[in-house]
Every structure is written in structure tokens, then in C-alpha cells.
């Protein structure tokens, strides 16, 4: 456990990528959207969703890839094992997801209390996913951030181990798996059942599925890191 914490602290030696950059980009996109909507009158106070909250998730995913690709050699040189480095990095991913998710939940509450920042803009409130009680928004944001962080970490490990060829193969394998699943569902005539399942799925239920997927991605990265060479 002590080694895991040291690895997490090691990553925070460069806080710009992991702390400042996600929130700087999010603040920039927020101000841009706020300025644009400020010049466009709202129709009878109708909520206007912008979808720009995705920017912080993209940055977090990218940061996860950089954390494993760029920092792994130096981390091993400091004496950390591959397994300890990976778990420590994932521990930091979880900690930041908890804090960032809470911040997003608070901003969502502020957004609701200010009438969409005075211009009916829904930046932090996303229909279905992030439009419920603050604690559910926190949980869903937390899981989403952790999932993309771990997913990015796996990409970094793949690139570190097999370079660009392995990265392309990894992406192609995921596309083939999705296409295979779609063909299988078509062959079995299961699309109606799949549609009903997701139609009846609540936001909390979807959060649970995403949490399970996060665990799967974590396990995949843990297996991959054992074979990574530096």
C-alpha cells in the first residue's frame, strides 16, 4: 500500500497534466459556450444543452494514457514493480475521479439554482445521465471519469509494449468485437430485447454497468502491464 501511494504522489510531481489541464480546458469550453449563448436569446426559458462537458472526460482519458506510457520507465527505475506502478496509478485515477466527480456534482447544483447560469445553459446537467440528485450525479461522474482514466491507461500500456502496430491492432480488435456482437445480435434477432433493456435501464443501473466495465478494463491493464518492456 505504501508503494502504491508513493507512485500516486510521483505522478503529482507534474500537476499541470493531471490537475490543471482538465479544469483549464473545461473552464475554457464553459466560457466559450456561455458567451455564445449569451448572445442568443433563449426560447421561453427552454433548457439548452451544449454537450461540452465531454471535454474533461477526453482529457482525463488522454492523461491516463500519458501516465502509463511516459512515466512507467522512470517509475520502474525508482524501484517500483510493474504491478505496484499500475495499481498506484489506478489509485490516483480513483482519487481524482472522486474529487472531480464531486466538483462536477456541485457545479451541477449551482447550475440548477442559477437558471442555467442566467442563459438557460445546461453545461453540467446532462439529460438522463447527470440530471438527477447531486449524489447520483457524483456517483455517475465518478464512475465515468474512472472508466475513461483506466481505459486511457490501457492504451498507454499497449503503446509502450507493442508500439503503433500494437495500438492499431488493439483498436481494430475492439471494432471487430463490436461488429461481431452486432452480427450475433442480428442473427439471434435480439435487437428488440436489447432495445427494451436499455430503454428500461435507469441512470443508476447504467452507472452500475459502467462500474463493472471499469473493473474489466482495470483487469485487462493489470494483465498487460506484466508483459510491458521498457
C-alpha atoms as a PDB file:
ATOM      1  CA  UNK A   1       0.000   0.000   0.000  1.00  0.00           C
ATOM      2  CA  UNK A   2       2.837   2.400   0.846  1.00  0.00           C
ATOM      3  CA  UNK A   3       4.386   1.833  -2.595  1.00  0.00           C
ATOM      4  CA  UNK A   4       1.046   2.485  -4.302  1.00  0.00           C
ATOM      5  CA  UNK A   5       0.726   5.826  -2.507  1.00  0.00           C
ATOM      6  CA  UNK A   6       4.283   6.770  -3.472  1.00  0.00           C
ATOM      7  CA  UNK A   7       3.501   6.025  -7.123  1.00  0.00           C
ATOM      8  CA  UNK A   8       0.397   8.198  -6.945  1.00  0.00           C
ATOM      9  CA  UNK A   9       2.395  11.034  -5.391  1.00  0.00           C
ATOM     10  CA  UNK A  10       5.082  10.571  -8.036  1.00  0.00           C
ATOM     11  CA  UNK A  11       2.562  11.350 -10.779  1.00  0.00           C
ATOM     12  CA  UNK A  12       1.508  14.526  -8.984  1.00  0.00           C
ATOM     13  CA  UNK A  13       5.027  15.925  -9.300  1.00  0.00           C
ATOM     14  CA  UNK A  14       3.694  17.212 -12.640  1.00  0.00           C
ATOM     15  CA  UNK A  15       0.263  18.577 -11.644  1.00  0.00           C
ATOM     16  CA  UNK A  16      -0.280  20.502 -14.877  1.00  0.00           C
ATOM     17  CA  UNK A  17      -1.299  17.449 -16.909  1.00  0.00           C
ATOM     18  CA  UNK A  18      -3.337  15.717 -14.222  1.00  0.00           C
ATOM     19  CA  UNK A  19      -4.886  18.652 -12.369  1.00  0.00           C
ATOM     20  CA  UNK A  20      -4.579  21.992 -14.152  1.00  0.00           C
ATOM     21  CA  UNK A  21      -5.125  20.893 -17.759  1.00  0.00           C
ATOM     22  CA  UNK A  22      -8.508  19.122 -17.356  1.00  0.00           C
ATOM     23  CA  UNK A  23     -10.050  22.030 -15.475  1.00  0.00           C
ATOM     24  CA  UNK A  24      -8.447  24.692 -17.655  1.00  0.00           C
ATOM     25  CA  UNK A  25      -9.917  23.132 -20.786  1.00  0.00           C
ATOM     26  CA  UNK A  26     -13.275  22.656 -19.079  1.00  0.00           C
ATOM     27  CA  UNK A  27     -13.297  26.291 -17.938  1.00  0.00           C
ATOM     28  CA  UNK A  28     -12.399  27.465 -21.442  1.00  0.00           C
ATOM     29  CA  UNK A  29     -15.185  25.453 -23.094  1.00  0.00           C
ATOM     30  CA  UNK A  30     -17.613  26.651 -20.415  1.00  0.00           C
ATOM     31  CA  UNK A  31     -16.786  30.320 -21.041  1.00  0.00           C
ATOM     32  CA  UNK A  32     -16.993  29.891 -24.802  1.00  0.00           C
ATOM     33  CA  UNK A  33     -20.441  28.293 -24.602  1.00  0.00           C
ATOM     34  CA  UNK A  34     -21.639  30.814 -22.014  1.00  0.00           C
ATOM     35  CA  UNK A  35     -20.530  33.702 -24.231  1.00  0.00           C
ATOM     36  CA  UNK A  36     -22.167  32.261 -27.354  1.00  0.00           C
ATOM     37  CA  UNK A  37     -25.482  31.515 -25.646  1.00  0.00           C
ATOM     38  CA  UNK A  38     -25.405  34.940 -24.020  1.00  0.00           C
ATOM     39  CA  UNK A  39     -25.836  36.446 -27.483  1.00  0.00           C
ATOM     40  CA  UNK A  40     -28.611  34.018 -28.476  1.00  0.00           C
ATOM     41  CA  UNK A  41     -31.911  34.625 -26.670  1.00  0.00           C
ATOM     42  CA  UNK A  42     -33.462  31.523 -25.135  1.00  0.00           C
ATOM     43  CA  UNK A  43     -36.928  30.455 -26.280  1.00  0.00           C
ATOM     44  CA  UNK A  44     -39.293  30.734 -23.308  1.00  0.00           C
ATOM     45  CA  UNK A  45     -36.529  29.696 -20.927  1.00  0.00           C
ATOM     46  CA  UNK A  46     -36.108  26.341 -22.666  1.00  0.00           C
ATOM     47  CA  UNK A  47     -33.056  24.427 -21.439  1.00  0.00           C
ATOM     48  CA  UNK A  48     -30.167  24.449 -23.884  1.00  0.00           C
ATOM     49  CA  UNK A  49     -27.792  21.514 -23.670  1.00  0.00           C
ATOM     50  CA  UNK A  50     -24.307  22.046 -25.121  1.00  0.00           C
ATOM     51  CA  UNK A  51     -22.572  18.693 -24.557  1.00  0.00           C
ATOM     52  CA  UNK A  52     -19.204  20.321 -23.885  1.00  0.00           C
ATOM     53  CA  UNK A  53     -18.795  18.584 -20.526  1.00  0.00           C
ATOM     54  CA  UNK A  54     -17.277  15.701 -22.503  1.00  0.00           C
ATOM     55  CA  UNK A  55     -14.058  17.732 -22.784  1.00  0.00           C
ATOM     56  CA  UNK A  56     -12.936  16.856 -19.255  1.00  0.00           C
ATOM     57  CA  UNK A  57     -13.560  13.154 -19.905  1.00  0.00           C
ATOM     58  CA  UNK A  58     -11.454  13.258 -23.073  1.00  0.00           C
ATOM     59  CA  UNK A  59      -8.597  14.997 -21.252  1.00  0.00           C
ATOM     60  CA  UNK A  60      -8.746  12.508 -18.369  1.00  0.00           C
ATOM     61  CA  UNK A  61      -8.570   9.591 -20.827  1.00  0.00           C
ATOM     62  CA  UNK A  62      -5.572  11.175 -22.554  1.00  0.00           C
ATOM     63  CA  UNK A  63      -3.875  11.811 -19.215  1.00  0.00           C
ATOM     64  CA  UNK A  64      -4.316   8.138 -18.314  1.00  0.00           C
ATOM     65  CA  UNK A  65      -2.507   7.089 -21.478  1.00  0.00           C
ATOM     66  CA  UNK A  66       0.326   9.540 -20.848  1.00  0.00           C
ATOM     67  CA  UNK A  67       0.689   8.432 -17.221  1.00  0.00           C
ATOM     68  CA  UNK A  68       1.460   4.840 -18.176  1.00  0.00           C
ATOM     69  CA  UNK A  69       3.375   5.423 -21.394  1.00  0.00           C
ATOM     70  CA  UNK A  70       5.667   8.245 -20.333  1.00  0.00           C
ATOM     71  CA  UNK A  71       6.083   7.621 -16.602  1.00  0.00           C
ATOM     72  CA  UNK A  72       6.434   3.824 -16.443  1.00  0.00           C
ATOM     73  CA  UNK A  73      10.198   3.606 -17.227  1.00  0.00           C
ATOM     74  CA  UNK A  74      11.145   6.158 -14.576  1.00  0.00           C
ATOM     75  CA  UNK A  75       8.764   4.600 -12.085  1.00  0.00           C
ATOM     76  CA  UNK A  76      10.429   1.212 -12.529  1.00  0.00           C
ATOM     77  CA  UNK A  77      13.852   2.846 -12.260  1.00  0.00           C
ATOM     78  CA  UNK A  78      12.845   4.129  -8.838  1.00  0.00           C
ATOM     79  CA  UNK A  79      12.247   0.543  -7.707  1.00  0.00           C
ATOM     80  CA  UNK A  80       8.509   0.117  -8.139  1.00  0.00           C
ATOM     81  CA  UNK A  81       7.315  -3.156  -9.630  1.00  0.00           C
ATOM     82  CA  UNK A  82       5.110  -3.138 -12.703  1.00  0.00           C
ATOM     83  CA  UNK A  83       2.147  -4.265 -10.643  1.00  0.00           C
ATOM     84  CA  UNK A  84       2.719  -1.624  -7.949  1.00  0.00           C
ATOM     85  CA  UNK A  85       3.128   1.094 -10.559  1.00  0.00           C
ATOM     86  CA  UNK A  86      -0.124   0.142 -12.258  1.00  0.00           C
ATOM     87  CA  UNK A  87      -2.158  -0.144  -9.056  1.00  0.00           C
ATOM     88  CA  UNK A  88      -0.713   3.101  -7.698  1.00  0.00           C
ATOM     89  CA  UNK A  89      -1.618   4.865 -10.927  1.00  0.00           C
ATOM     90  CA  UNK A  90      -5.129   3.402 -10.796  1.00  0.00           C
ATOM     91  CA  UNK A  91      -5.390   4.546  -7.168  1.00  0.00           C
ATOM     92  CA  UNK A  92      -4.645   8.099  -8.268  1.00  0.00           C
ATOM     93  CA  UNK A  93      -7.236   7.717 -11.036  1.00  0.00           C
ATOM     94  CA  UNK A  94      -9.838   6.709  -8.447  1.00  0.00           C
ATOM     95  CA  UNK A  95      -8.918   9.538  -6.077  1.00  0.00           C
ATOM     96  CA  UNK A  96      -9.133  12.183  -8.787  1.00  0.00           C
ATOM     97  CA  UNK A  97     -12.408  10.678 -10.039  1.00  0.00           C
ATOM     98  CA  UNK A  98     -13.898  11.022  -6.534  1.00  0.00           C
ATOM     99  CA  UNK A  99     -12.812  14.663  -6.219  1.00  0.00           C
ATOM    100  CA  UNK A 100     -13.589  15.681  -9.793  1.00  0.00           C
ATOM    101  CA  UNK A 101     -16.954  13.925  -9.682  1.00  0.00           C
ATOM    102  CA  UNK A 102     -17.855  15.806  -6.506  1.00  0.00           C
ATOM    103  CA  UNK A 103     -16.838  19.108  -8.096  1.00  0.00           C
ATOM    104  CA  UNK A 104     -18.997  18.370 -11.149  1.00  0.00           C
ATOM    105  CA  UNK A 105     -21.936  17.497  -8.890  1.00  0.00           C
ATOM    106  CA  UNK A 106     -21.572  20.782  -7.001  1.00  0.00           C
ATOM    107  CA  UNK A 107     -21.375  22.752 -10.253  1.00  0.00           C
ATOM    108  CA  UNK A 108     -24.487  20.940 -11.456  1.00  0.00           C
ATOM    109  CA  UNK A 109     -26.366  22.088  -8.350  1.00  0.00           C
ATOM    110  CA  UNK A 110     -25.158  25.662  -8.869  1.00  0.00           C
ATOM    111  CA  UNK A 111     -26.243  25.479 -12.495  1.00  0.00           C
ATOM    112  CA  UNK A 112     -29.730  24.424 -11.478  1.00  0.00           C
ATOM    113  CA  UNK A 113     -30.047  27.149  -8.850  1.00  0.00           C
ATOM    114  CA  UNK A 114     -28.945  29.913 -11.242  1.00  0.00           C
ATOM    115  CA  UNK A 115     -31.294  29.001 -14.063  1.00  0.00           C
ATOM    116  CA  UNK A 116     -28.545  27.670 -16.250  1.00  0.00           C
ATOM    117  CA  UNK A 117     -26.061  30.456 -15.424  1.00  0.00           C
ATOM    118  CA  UNK A 118     -28.678  33.024 -16.399  1.00  0.00           C
ATOM    119  CA  UNK A 119     -28.885  31.902 -20.037  1.00  0.00           C
ATOM    120  CA  UNK A 120     -30.690  28.540 -19.620  1.00  0.00           C
ATOM    121  CA  UNK A 121     -27.454  26.700 -20.449  1.00  0.00           C
ATOM    122  CA  UNK A 122     -27.156  23.119 -19.284  1.00  0.00           C
ATOM    123  CA  UNK A 123     -23.425  22.534 -19.249  1.00  0.00           C
ATOM    124  CA  UNK A 124     -23.031  20.265 -16.231  1.00  0.00           C
ATOM    125  CA  UNK A 125     -26.536  18.783 -16.329  1.00  0.00           C
ATOM    126  CA  UNK A 126     -26.815  16.083 -18.985  1.00  0.00           C
ATOM    127  CA  UNK A 127     -30.220  14.526 -19.786  1.00  0.00           C
ATOM    128  CA  UNK A 128     -30.703  11.072 -18.263  1.00  0.00           C
ATOM    129  CA  UNK A 129     -27.072  10.641 -17.155  1.00  0.00           C
ATOM    130  CA  UNK A 130     -26.372  13.693 -14.998  1.00  0.00           C
ATOM    131  CA  UNK A 131     -29.790  15.184 -14.352  1.00  0.00           C
ATOM    132  CA  UNK A 132     -30.792  13.660 -11.024  1.00  0.00           C
ATOM    133  CA  UNK A 133     -29.954  14.202  -7.346  1.00  0.00           C
ATOM    134  CA  UNK A 134     -26.486  15.545  -6.608  1.00  0.00           C
ATOM    135  CA  UNK A 135     -25.288  12.278  -5.069  1.00  0.00           C
ATOM    136  CA  UNK A 136     -26.290  10.283  -8.154  1.00  0.00           C
ATOM    137  CA  UNK A 137     -24.593  12.883 -10.354  1.00  0.00           C
ATOM    138  CA  UNK A 138     -21.493  12.496  -8.191  1.00  0.00           C
ATOM    139  CA  UNK A 139     -21.545   8.711  -8.467  1.00  0.00           C
ATOM    140  CA  UNK A 140     -22.126   8.664 -12.220  1.00  0.00           C
ATOM    141  CA  UNK A 141     -19.444  11.294 -12.837  1.00  0.00           C
ATOM    142  CA  UNK A 142     -17.036   9.391 -10.595  1.00  0.00           C
ATOM    143  CA  UNK A 143     -17.556   6.121 -12.447  1.00  0.00           C
ATOM    144  CA  UNK A 144     -17.341   7.759 -15.866  1.00  0.00           C
ATOM    145  CA  UNK A 145     -14.091   9.534 -15.033  1.00  0.00           C
ATOM    146  CA  UNK A 146     -12.542   6.410 -13.519  1.00  0.00           C
ATOM    147  CA  UNK A 147     -13.586   4.319 -16.514  1.00  0.00           C
ATOM    148  CA  UNK A 148     -12.005   6.634 -19.071  1.00  0.00           C
ATOM    149  CA  UNK A 149      -8.890   7.109 -16.960  1.00  0.00           C
ATOM    150  CA  UNK A 150      -8.324   3.357 -16.719  1.00  0.00           C
ATOM    151  CA  UNK A 151      -9.191   2.940 -20.404  1.00  0.00           C
ATOM    152  CA  UNK A 152      -6.549   5.528 -21.285  1.00  0.00           C
ATOM    153  CA  UNK A 153      -4.022   3.761 -19.050  1.00  0.00           C
ATOM    154  CA  UNK A 154      -4.570   0.560 -21.011  1.00  0.00           C
ATOM    155  CA  UNK A 155      -3.864   2.396 -24.266  1.00  0.00           C
ATOM    156  CA  UNK A 156      -0.621   3.718 -22.811  1.00  0.00           C
ATOM    157  CA  UNK A 157       0.477   0.221 -21.818  1.00  0.00           C
ATOM    158  CA  UNK A 158      -0.387  -1.199 -25.233  1.00  0.00           C
ATOM    159  CA  UNK A 159       1.653   1.502 -26.947  1.00  0.00           C
ATOM    160  CA  UNK A 160       4.560   1.039 -24.535  1.00  0.00           C
ATOM    161  CA  UNK A 161       4.603  -2.733 -25.130  1.00  0.00           C
ATOM    162  CA  UNK A 162       3.835  -3.050 -28.872  1.00  0.00           C
ATOM    163  CA  UNK A 163       4.271   0.482 -30.260  1.00  0.00           C
ATOM    164  CA  UNK A 164       1.988   1.819 -33.001  1.00  0.00           C
ATOM    165  CA  UNK A 165       1.416  -1.609 -34.578  1.00  0.00           C
ATOM    166  CA  UNK A 166       0.034  -2.985 -31.328  1.00  0.00           C
ATOM    167  CA  UNK A 167      -2.048   0.136 -30.764  1.00  0.00           C
ATOM    168  CA  UNK A 168      -3.687  -0.154 -34.184  1.00  0.00           C
ATOM    169  CA  UNK A 169      -4.271  -3.878 -33.619  1.00  0.00           C
ATOM    170  CA  UNK A 170      -5.835  -3.088 -30.227  1.00  0.00           C
ATOM    171  CA  UNK A 171      -8.237  -0.595 -31.794  1.00  0.00           C
ATOM    172  CA  UNK A 172      -9.085  -2.977 -34.633  1.00  0.00           C
ATOM    173  CA  UNK A 173      -9.752  -5.787 -32.149  1.00  0.00           C
ATOM    174  CA  UNK A 174     -12.300  -3.619 -30.339  1.00  0.00           C
ATOM    175  CA  UNK A 175     -14.011  -2.686 -33.606  1.00  0.00           C
ATOM    176  CA  UNK A 176     -14.148  -6.338 -34.665  1.00  0.00           C
ATOM    177  CA  UNK A 177     -15.595  -7.308 -31.282  1.00  0.00           C
ATOM    178  CA  UNK A 178     -18.329  -4.676 -31.619  1.00  0.00           C
ATOM    179  CA  UNK A 179     -19.132  -5.727 -35.167  1.00  0.00           C
ATOM    180  CA  UNK A 180     -19.174  -9.386 -34.104  1.00  0.00           C
ATOM    181  CA  UNK A 181     -21.567  -8.567 -31.280  1.00  0.00           C
ATOM    182  CA  UNK A 182     -23.833  -6.638 -33.667  1.00  0.00           C
ATOM    183  CA  UNK A 183     -23.863  -9.508 -36.168  1.00  0.00           C
ATOM    184  CA  UNK A 184     -24.591 -12.011 -33.407  1.00  0.00           C
ATOM    185  CA  UNK A 185     -27.481  -9.882 -32.123  1.00  0.00           C
ATOM    186  CA  UNK A 186     -28.858  -9.620 -35.667  1.00  0.00           C
ATOM    187  CA  UNK A 187     -28.552 -13.363 -36.246  1.00  0.00           C
ATOM    188  CA  UNK A 188     -30.320 -14.098 -32.947  1.00  0.00           C
ATOM    189  CA  UNK A 189     -32.987 -11.428 -33.512  1.00  0.00           C
ATOM    190  CA  UNK A 190     -32.092  -9.880 -30.172  1.00  0.00           C
ATOM    191  CA  UNK A 191     -32.199  -6.198 -31.068  1.00  0.00           C
ATOM    192  CA  UNK A 192     -35.717  -5.720 -29.684  1.00  0.00           C
ATOM    193  CA  UNK A 193     -34.688  -7.247 -26.355  1.00  0.00           C
ATOM    194  CA  UNK A 194     -31.522  -5.150 -26.264  1.00  0.00           C
ATOM    195  CA  UNK A 195     -33.550  -2.029 -27.018  1.00  0.00           C
ATOM    196  CA  UNK A 196     -36.043  -2.772 -24.239  1.00  0.00           C
ATOM    197  CA  UNK A 197     -33.213  -3.455 -21.807  1.00  0.00           C
ATOM    198  CA  UNK A 198     -31.535  -0.090 -22.376  1.00  0.00           C
ATOM    199  CA  UNK A 199     -34.857   1.747 -22.600  1.00  0.00           C
ATOM    200  CA  UNK A 200     -35.837   0.485 -19.148  1.00  0.00           C
ATOM    201  CA  UNK A 201     -32.355   0.960 -17.708  1.00  0.00           C
ATOM    202  CA  UNK A 202     -32.174   3.735 -15.118  1.00  0.00           C
ATOM    203  CA  UNK A 203     -29.237   6.104 -14.754  1.00  0.00           C
ATOM    204  CA  UNK A 204     -28.155   4.287 -11.587  1.00  0.00           C
ATOM    205  CA  UNK A 205     -28.383   0.964 -13.418  1.00  0.00           C
ATOM    206  CA  UNK A 206     -26.219   2.283 -16.227  1.00  0.00           C
ATOM    207  CA  UNK A 207     -23.743   3.553 -13.648  1.00  0.00           C
ATOM    208  CA  UNK A 208     -23.522   0.032 -12.251  1.00  0.00           C
ATOM    209  CA  UNK A 209     -22.810  -1.379 -15.714  1.00  0.00           C
ATOM    210  CA  UNK A 210     -20.106   1.218 -16.283  1.00  0.00           C
ATOM    211  CA  UNK A 211     -18.562   0.361 -12.908  1.00  0.00           C
ATOM    212  CA  UNK A 212     -18.415  -3.306 -13.944  1.00  0.00           C
ATOM    213  CA  UNK A 213     -16.805  -2.303 -17.253  1.00  0.00           C
ATOM    214  CA  UNK A 214     -14.251  -0.244 -15.332  1.00  0.00           C
ATOM    215  CA  UNK A 215     -13.302  -3.337 -13.334  1.00  0.00           C
ATOM    216  CA  UNK A 216     -12.889  -5.311 -16.570  1.00  0.00           C
ATOM    217  CA  UNK A 217     -10.666  -2.612 -18.084  1.00  0.00           C
ATOM    218  CA  UNK A 218      -8.611  -2.473 -14.885  1.00  0.00           C
ATOM    219  CA  UNK A 219      -8.073  -6.228 -15.018  1.00  0.00           C
ATOM    220  CA  UNK A 220      -7.078  -6.027 -18.691  1.00  0.00           C
ATOM    221  CA  UNK A 221      -4.484  -3.386 -17.933  1.00  0.00           C
ATOM    222  CA  UNK A 222      -3.185  -5.356 -14.965  1.00  0.00           C
ATOM    223  CA  UNK A 223      -2.575  -8.375 -17.202  1.00  0.00           C
ATOM    224  CA  UNK A 224      -0.950  -6.226 -19.886  1.00  0.00           C
ATOM    225  CA  UNK A 225       1.453  -4.404 -17.572  1.00  0.00           C
ATOM    226  CA  UNK A 226       3.116  -7.692 -16.579  1.00  0.00           C
ATOM    227  CA  UNK A 227       4.468  -8.075 -20.113  1.00  0.00           C
ATOM    228  CA  UNK A 228       5.444  -4.478 -20.734  1.00  0.00           C
ATOM    229  CA  UNK A 229       9.115  -3.894 -21.560  1.00  0.00           C
ATOM    230  CA  UNK A 230      10.884  -0.576 -21.099  1.00  0.00           C
END
